[in-house]
Amino acid sequence: MPIELHHTIVHSRDKHAAAAFVAGLLGLETGPEVGPFVPLRLANGVTLDFMTSPHPAIAEQHYAFLVPEAEFDAILRRIEVAGVTHYSGPRLDEPGAVNHHNGGRGTYFRSPDGHVLEILTVA
């Protein structure tokens, strides 16, 4: 039986703001609220289900998004226009830099809730 990731819950301080932040930078739209979640559906059918956490501390998670080369430039522009610092690596070193791993491009940035988000063009 093939197994696929269907969804993951993204804990946040404000589910609407968190979903809007990620959706806006990626150039996507959030779906209608479903129970306690604000979903963001990705092209492969997986959803990020944003939920307002009842706990004051939110554990840092990492979410990586494989994007087409042309879309990378548009996302990077939106990151920079939003005033979000991006980095070359997961340790958040080299601010303002883009890496060229595996012959592609990638960069990392933090969400307002402290999650580390990554966009990359080659897996």
N, C-alpha and C. Protein backbone atom coordinates (compact mmCIF):
# COMPACT_ATOMS: atom_id res chain seq x y z
N MET A 1 0.84 -1.18 0.00
CA MET A 1 0.00 0.00 0.00
C MET A 1 0.89 1.24 0.00
N PRO A 2 0.69 2.14 -0.95
CA PRO A 2 1.48 3.38 -0.94
C PRO A 2 1.04 4.27 0.23
N ILE A 3 2.00 4.86 0.87
CA ILE A 3 1.73 5.73 2.01
C ILE A 3 2.13 7.14 1.63
N GLU A 4 1.24 8.07 1.91
CA GLU A 4 1.50 9.48 1.60
C GLU A 4 1.23 10.32 2.83
N LEU A 5 1.95 11.42 2.94
CA LEU A 5 1.64 12.41 3.98
C LEU A 5 0.40 13.16 3.53
N HIS A 6 -0.60 13.22 4.38
CA HIS A 6 -1.86 13.88 4.06
C HIS A 6 -1.89 15.31 4.59
N HIS A 7 -1.50 15.51 5.85
CA HIS A 7 -1.47 16.85 6.44
C HIS A 7 -0.55 16.85 7.65
N THR A 8 -0.20 18.04 8.07
CA THR A 8 0.52 18.20 9.32
C THR A 8 -0.02 19.46 9.99
N ILE A 9 -0.04 19.45 11.31
CA ILE A 9 -0.54 20.59 12.07
C ILE A 9 0.62 21.53 12.35
N VAL A 10 0.41 22.79 12.07
CA VAL A 10 1.41 23.83 12.34
C VAL A 10 0.89 24.67 13.51
N HIS A 11 1.52 24.50 14.66
CA HIS A 11 1.11 25.25 15.84
C HIS A 11 1.55 26.71 15.71
N SER A 12 0.67 27.61 16.12
CA SER A 12 0.94 29.03 15.98
C SER A 12 0.24 29.81 17.10
N ARG A 13 0.64 31.05 17.24
CA ARG A 13 -0.01 31.92 18.22
C ARG A 13 -1.35 32.41 17.69
N ASP A 14 -1.45 32.60 16.37
CA ASP A 14 -2.67 33.04 15.71
C ASP A 14 -2.75 32.31 14.37
N LYS A 15 -3.63 31.33 14.28
CA LYS A 15 -3.69 30.48 13.09
C LYS A 15 -3.97 31.27 11.81
N HIS A 16 -4.79 32.30 11.90
CA HIS A 16 -5.11 33.09 10.70
C HIS A 16 -3.89 33.88 10.23
N ALA A 17 -3.20 34.52 11.16
CA ALA A 17 -2.01 35.30 10.80
C ALA A 17 -0.90 34.40 10.29
N ALA A 18 -0.70 33.26 10.93
CA ALA A 18 0.37 32.35 10.53
C ALA A 18 0.11 31.79 9.13
N ALA A 19 -1.12 31.36 8.87
CA ALA A 19 -1.46 30.82 7.55
C ALA A 19 -1.34 31.90 6.49
N ALA A 20 -1.77 33.11 6.79
CA ALA A 20 -1.69 34.21 5.83
C ALA A 20 -0.24 34.57 5.53
N PHE A 21 0.63 34.52 6.53
CA PHE A 21 2.05 34.82 6.33
C PHE A 21 2.67 33.85 5.32
N VAL A 22 2.50 32.55 5.56
CA VAL A 22 3.09 31.54 4.68
C VAL A 22 2.45 31.60 3.30
N ALA A 23 1.13 31.66 3.26
CA ALA A 23 0.43 31.70 1.97
C ALA A 23 0.85 32.92 1.16
N GLY A 24 0.95 34.06 1.81
CA GLY A 24 1.33 35.29 1.11
C GLY A 24 2.72 35.21 0.50
N LEU A 25 3.68 34.70 1.26
CA LEU A 25 5.04 34.61 0.74
C LEU A 25 5.15 33.57 -0.38
N LEU A 26 4.40 32.48 -0.26
CA LEU A 26 4.47 31.43 -1.29
C LEU A 26 3.58 31.73 -2.50
N GLY A 27 2.75 32.76 -2.39
CA GLY A 27 1.85 33.09 -3.50
C GLY A 27 0.67 32.15 -3.58
N LEU A 28 0.20 31.65 -2.43
CA LEU A 28 -0.92 30.72 -2.37
C LEU A 28 -2.07 31.35 -1.60
N GLU A 29 -3.20 30.65 -1.55
CA GLU A 29 -4.34 31.11 -0.76
C GLU A 29 -4.70 30.05 0.26
N THR A 30 -5.12 30.50 1.42
CA THR A 30 -5.57 29.56 2.44
C THR A 30 -6.98 29.09 2.09
N GLY A 31 -7.33 27.92 2.61
CA GLY A 31 -8.68 27.41 2.42
C GLY A 31 -9.59 27.90 3.52
N PRO A 32 -10.88 27.57 3.42
CA PRO A 32 -11.80 27.96 4.49
C PRO A 32 -11.47 27.21 5.77
N GLU A 33 -11.74 27.85 6.88
CA GLU A 33 -11.47 27.25 8.19
C GLU A 33 -12.25 25.94 8.33
N VAL A 34 -11.57 24.91 8.85
CA VAL A 34 -12.17 23.61 9.08
C VAL A 34 -11.94 23.26 10.54
N GLY A 35 -12.98 23.34 11.34
CA GLY A 35 -12.83 23.11 12.78
C GLY A 35 -11.81 24.09 13.34
N PRO A 36 -10.81 23.58 14.06
CA PRO A 36 -9.83 24.49 14.66
C PRO A 36 -8.67 24.86 13.71
N PHE A 37 -8.78 24.50 12.42
CA PHE A 37 -7.66 24.65 11.49
C PHE A 37 -7.93 25.65 10.36
N VAL A 38 -6.85 26.29 9.93
CA VAL A 38 -6.85 27.06 8.69
C VAL A 38 -5.89 26.32 7.76
N PRO A 39 -6.42 25.66 6.72
CA PRO A 39 -5.56 24.85 5.86
C PRO A 39 -4.90 25.64 4.74
N LEU A 40 -3.71 25.19 4.41
CA LEU A 40 -2.98 25.69 3.24
C LEU A 40 -2.62 24.46 2.42
N ARG A 41 -3.30 24.28 1.28
CA ARG A 41 -3.10 23.09 0.45
C ARG A 41 -1.96 23.34 -0.52
N LEU A 42 -1.04 22.38 -0.58
CA LEU A 42 0.10 22.45 -1.48
C LEU A 42 -0.21 21.66 -2.76
N ALA A 43 0.59 21.84 -3.79
CA ALA A 43 0.33 21.24 -5.10
C ALA A 43 0.25 19.72 -5.05
N ASN A 44 0.94 19.09 -4.13
CA ASN A 44 0.93 17.62 -4.04
C ASN A 44 -0.21 17.09 -3.17
N GLY A 45 -1.13 17.98 -2.76
CA GLY A 45 -2.29 17.56 -1.98
C GLY A 45 -2.11 17.60 -0.48
N VAL A 46 -0.90 17.74 0.00
CA VAL A 46 -0.64 17.83 1.44
C VAL A 46 -1.14 19.19 1.94
N THR A 47 -1.74 19.19 3.12
CA THR A 47 -2.12 20.47 3.70
C THR A 47 -1.32 20.74 4.97
N LEU A 48 -1.01 22.01 5.13
CA LEU A 48 -0.49 22.50 6.40
C LEU A 48 -1.71 23.04 7.12
N ASP A 49 -2.07 22.44 8.23
CA ASP A 49 -3.24 22.85 8.99
C ASP A 49 -2.80 23.71 10.16
N PHE A 50 -2.97 25.02 10.02
CA PHE A 50 -2.54 25.96 11.06
C PHE A 50 -3.56 25.96 12.19
N MET A 51 -3.05 25.86 13.40
CA MET A 51 -3.89 25.81 14.59
C MET A 51 -3.31 26.74 15.65
N THR A 52 -4.18 27.52 16.28
CA THR A 52 -3.74 28.35 17.39
C THR A 52 -3.44 27.43 18.56
N SER A 53 -2.22 27.50 19.04
CA SER A 53 -1.78 26.61 20.12
C SER A 53 -2.29 27.10 21.47
N PRO A 54 -2.75 26.18 22.31
CA PRO A 54 -3.16 26.58 23.66
C PRO A 54 -1.96 26.79 24.59
N HIS A 55 -0.76 26.45 24.13
CA HIS A 55 0.44 26.56 24.94
C HIS A 55 1.22 27.82 24.58
N PRO A 56 1.78 28.51 25.56
CA PRO A 56 2.51 29.75 25.26
C PRO A 56 3.80 29.52 24.47
N ALA A 57 4.46 28.39 24.70
CA ALA A 57 5.71 28.10 23.98
C ALA A 57 5.39 27.20 22.79
N ILE A 58 5.91 27.58 21.63
CA ILE A 58 5.69 26.80 20.41
C ILE A 58 7.03 26.19 20.01
N ALA A 59 7.06 24.87 19.87
CA ALA A 59 8.29 24.18 19.48
C ALA A 59 8.61 24.50 18.02
N GLU A 60 9.86 24.84 17.77
CA GLU A 60 10.31 25.14 16.41
C GLU A 60 10.21 23.90 15.52
N GLN A 61 9.66 24.08 14.34
CA GLN A 61 9.59 23.03 13.34
C GLN A 61 10.23 23.54 12.06
N HIS A 62 10.53 22.63 11.14
CA HIS A 62 11.11 22.99 9.85
C HIS A 62 10.18 22.52 8.75
N TYR A 63 9.86 23.42 7.82
CA TYR A 63 9.01 23.10 6.69
C TYR A 63 9.74 23.52 5.42
N ALA A 64 9.96 22.58 4.51
CA ALA A 64 10.69 22.85 3.27
C ALA A 64 9.73 22.75 2.10
N PHE A 65 9.82 23.72 1.19
CA PHE A 65 8.92 23.78 0.03
C PHE A 65 9.76 23.71 -1.24
N LEU A 66 9.50 22.67 -2.03
CA LEU A 66 10.15 22.52 -3.33
C LEU A 66 9.38 23.37 -4.32
N VAL A 67 10.06 24.34 -4.93
CA VAL A 67 9.40 25.29 -5.82
C VAL A 67 10.08 25.31 -7.18
N PRO A 68 9.34 25.64 -8.24
CA PRO A 68 9.96 25.76 -9.55
C PRO A 68 10.97 26.91 -9.56
N GLU A 69 11.96 26.80 -10.39
CA GLU A 69 13.02 27.81 -10.49
C GLU A 69 12.44 29.22 -10.67
N ALA A 70 11.50 29.38 -11.59
CA ALA A 70 10.93 30.71 -11.85
C ALA A 70 10.17 31.24 -10.63
N GLU A 71 9.51 30.36 -9.91
CA GLU A 71 8.75 30.78 -8.75
C GLU A 71 9.66 31.16 -7.58
N PHE A 72 10.86 30.59 -7.53
CA PHE A 72 11.82 30.92 -6.47
C PHE A 72 12.08 32.42 -6.44
N ASP A 73 12.30 33.02 -7.62
CA ASP A 73 12.58 34.46 -7.68
C ASP A 73 11.41 35.28 -7.14
N ALA A 74 10.18 34.89 -7.49
CA ALA A 74 9.01 35.64 -7.03
C ALA A 74 8.85 35.52 -5.51
N ILE A 75 9.06 34.32 -4.99
CA ILE A 75 8.95 34.12 -3.54
C ILE A 75 10.05 34.91 -2.82
N LEU A 76 11.26 34.84 -3.33
CA LEU A 76 12.36 35.58 -2.71
C LEU A 76 12.07 37.08 -2.70
N ARG A 77 11.50 37.59 -3.78
CA ARG A 77 11.13 39.03 -3.81
C ARG A 77 10.10 39.33 -2.73
N ARG A 78 9.09 38.47 -2.57
CA ARG A 78 8.07 38.71 -1.55
C ARG A 78 8.67 38.64 -0.15
N ILE A 79 9.61 37.73 0.08
CA ILE A 79 10.29 37.65 1.37
C ILE A 79 11.02 38.96 1.66
N GLU A 80 11.76 39.44 0.68
CA GLU A 80 12.54 40.66 0.87
C GLU A 80 11.64 41.89 1.03
N VAL A 81 10.58 42.00 0.23
CA VAL A 81 9.65 43.12 0.35
C VAL A 81 8.98 43.13 1.72
N ALA A 82 8.71 41.95 2.26
CA ALA A 82 8.09 41.84 3.59
C ALA A 82 9.06 42.17 4.71
N GLY A 83 10.34 42.35 4.37
CA GLY A 83 11.34 42.67 5.40
C GLY A 83 11.75 41.47 6.23
N VAL A 84 11.55 40.27 5.69
CA VAL A 84 11.92 39.04 6.38
C VAL A 84 13.35 38.69 5.99
N THR A 85 14.20 38.47 6.98
CA THR A 85 15.58 38.10 6.71
C THR A 85 15.63 36.64 6.28
N HIS A 86 16.38 36.37 5.22
CA HIS A 86 16.56 34.99 4.77
C HIS A 86 18.04 34.64 4.86
N TYR A 87 18.32 33.33 4.92
CA TYR A 87 19.67 32.85 5.20
C TYR A 87 20.04 31.71 4.26
N SER A 88 21.34 31.46 4.15
CA SER A 88 21.81 30.41 3.24
C SER A 88 21.64 29.00 3.79
N GLY A 89 21.53 28.86 5.11
CA GLY A 89 21.50 27.52 5.67
C GLY A 89 20.55 27.39 6.84
N PRO A 90 20.31 26.16 7.30
CA PRO A 90 19.35 25.90 8.38
C PRO A 90 19.79 26.42 9.74
N ARG A 91 21.06 26.75 9.87
CA ARG A 91 21.53 27.35 11.14
C ARG A 91 21.29 28.85 11.14
N LEU A 92 20.66 29.33 10.07
CA LEU A 92 20.34 30.75 9.90
C LEU A 92 21.60 31.61 9.95
N ASP A 93 22.60 31.12 9.18
CA ASP A 93 23.84 31.88 9.03
C ASP A 93 23.81 32.58 7.67
N GLU A 94 24.69 33.47 7.43
CA GLU A 94 24.78 34.24 6.19
C GLU A 94 23.46 34.91 5.81
N PRO A 95 23.07 35.93 6.58
CA PRO A 95 21.83 36.65 6.26
C PRO A 95 21.88 37.23 4.84
N GLY A 96 20.74 37.16 4.17
CA GLY A 96 20.62 37.72 2.83
C GLY A 96 21.19 36.83 1.73
N ALA A 97 21.64 35.63 2.08
CA ALA A 97 22.30 34.76 1.09
C ALA A 97 21.37 33.64 0.62
N VAL A 98 21.70 33.14 -0.56
CA VAL A 98 21.01 32.01 -1.18
C VAL A 98 22.06 30.92 -1.39
N ASN A 99 21.71 29.66 -1.10
CA ASN A 99 22.66 28.58 -1.35
C ASN A 99 22.43 28.00 -2.75
N HIS A 100 23.37 27.19 -3.19
CA HIS A 100 23.29 26.56 -4.52
C HIS A 100 23.52 25.05 -4.41
N HIS A 101 22.90 24.43 -3.41
CA HIS A 101 23.05 22.99 -3.19
C HIS A 101 22.43 22.20 -4.33
N ASN A 102 23.09 21.11 -4.69
CA ASN A 102 22.61 20.18 -5.72
C ASN A 102 22.34 20.85 -7.06
N GLY A 103 23.00 21.97 -7.32
CA GLY A 103 22.81 22.67 -8.59
C GLY A 103 21.57 23.53 -8.65
N GLY A 104 20.89 23.69 -7.54
CA GLY A 104 19.70 24.53 -7.50
C GLY A 104 19.93 25.72 -6.59
N ARG A 105 18.84 26.29 -6.10
CA ARG A 105 18.94 27.41 -5.17
C ARG A 105 18.03 27.14 -3.98
N GLY A 106 18.41 27.70 -2.85
CA GLY A 106 17.60 27.55 -1.65
C GLY A 106 17.89 28.66 -0.66
N THR A 107 16.92 28.91 0.20
CA THR A 107 17.11 29.87 1.28
C THR A 107 16.15 29.54 2.41
N TYR A 108 16.47 30.01 3.60
CA TYR A 108 15.72 29.72 4.82
C TYR A 108 15.28 31.02 5.46
N PHE A 109 14.14 30.99 6.13
CA PHE A 109 13.66 32.17 6.85
C PHE A 109 12.74 31.72 7.97
N ARG A 110 12.52 32.60 8.94
CA ARG A 110 11.68 32.26 10.09
C ARG A 110 10.27 32.81 9.90
N SER A 111 9.31 32.03 10.39
CA SER A 111 7.94 32.53 10.48
C SER A 111 7.83 33.34 11.77
N PRO A 112 6.78 34.15 11.91
CA PRO A 112 6.61 34.90 13.16
C PRO A 112 6.51 34.01 14.40
N ASP A 113 6.12 32.74 14.22
CA ASP A 113 6.02 31.82 15.35
C ASP A 113 7.32 31.07 15.63
N GLY A 114 8.37 31.36 14.85
CA GLY A 114 9.67 30.75 15.09
C GLY A 114 9.98 29.51 14.29
N HIS A 115 9.06 29.08 13.43
CA HIS A 115 9.34 27.94 12.57
C HIS A 115 10.35 28.34 11.49
N VAL A 116 11.20 27.40 11.09
CA VAL A 116 12.16 27.66 10.03
C VAL A 116 11.58 27.14 8.72
N LEU A 117 11.38 28.03 7.78
CA LEU A 117 10.83 27.68 6.48
C LEU A 117 11.94 27.72 5.45
N GLU A 118 11.84 26.85 4.48
CA GLU A 118 12.86 26.74 3.44
C GLU A 118 12.19 26.69 2.09
N ILE A 119 12.75 27.39 1.12
CA ILE A 119 12.35 27.19 -0.27
C ILE A 119 13.57 26.69 -1.01
N LEU A 120 13.38 25.69 -1.88
CA LEU A 120 14.48 25.13 -2.63
C LEU A 120 13.98 24.71 -4.01
N THR A 121 14.88 24.74 -4.99
CA THR A 121 14.48 24.42 -6.36
C THR A 121 14.88 23.01 -6.78
N VAL A 122 15.78 22.39 -6.05
CA VAL A 122 16.22 21.02 -6.36
C VAL A 122 16.24 20.23 -5.05
N ALA A 123 15.60 19.07 -5.05
CA ALA A 123 15.55 18.26 -3.84
C ALA A 123 16.84 17.49 -3.65
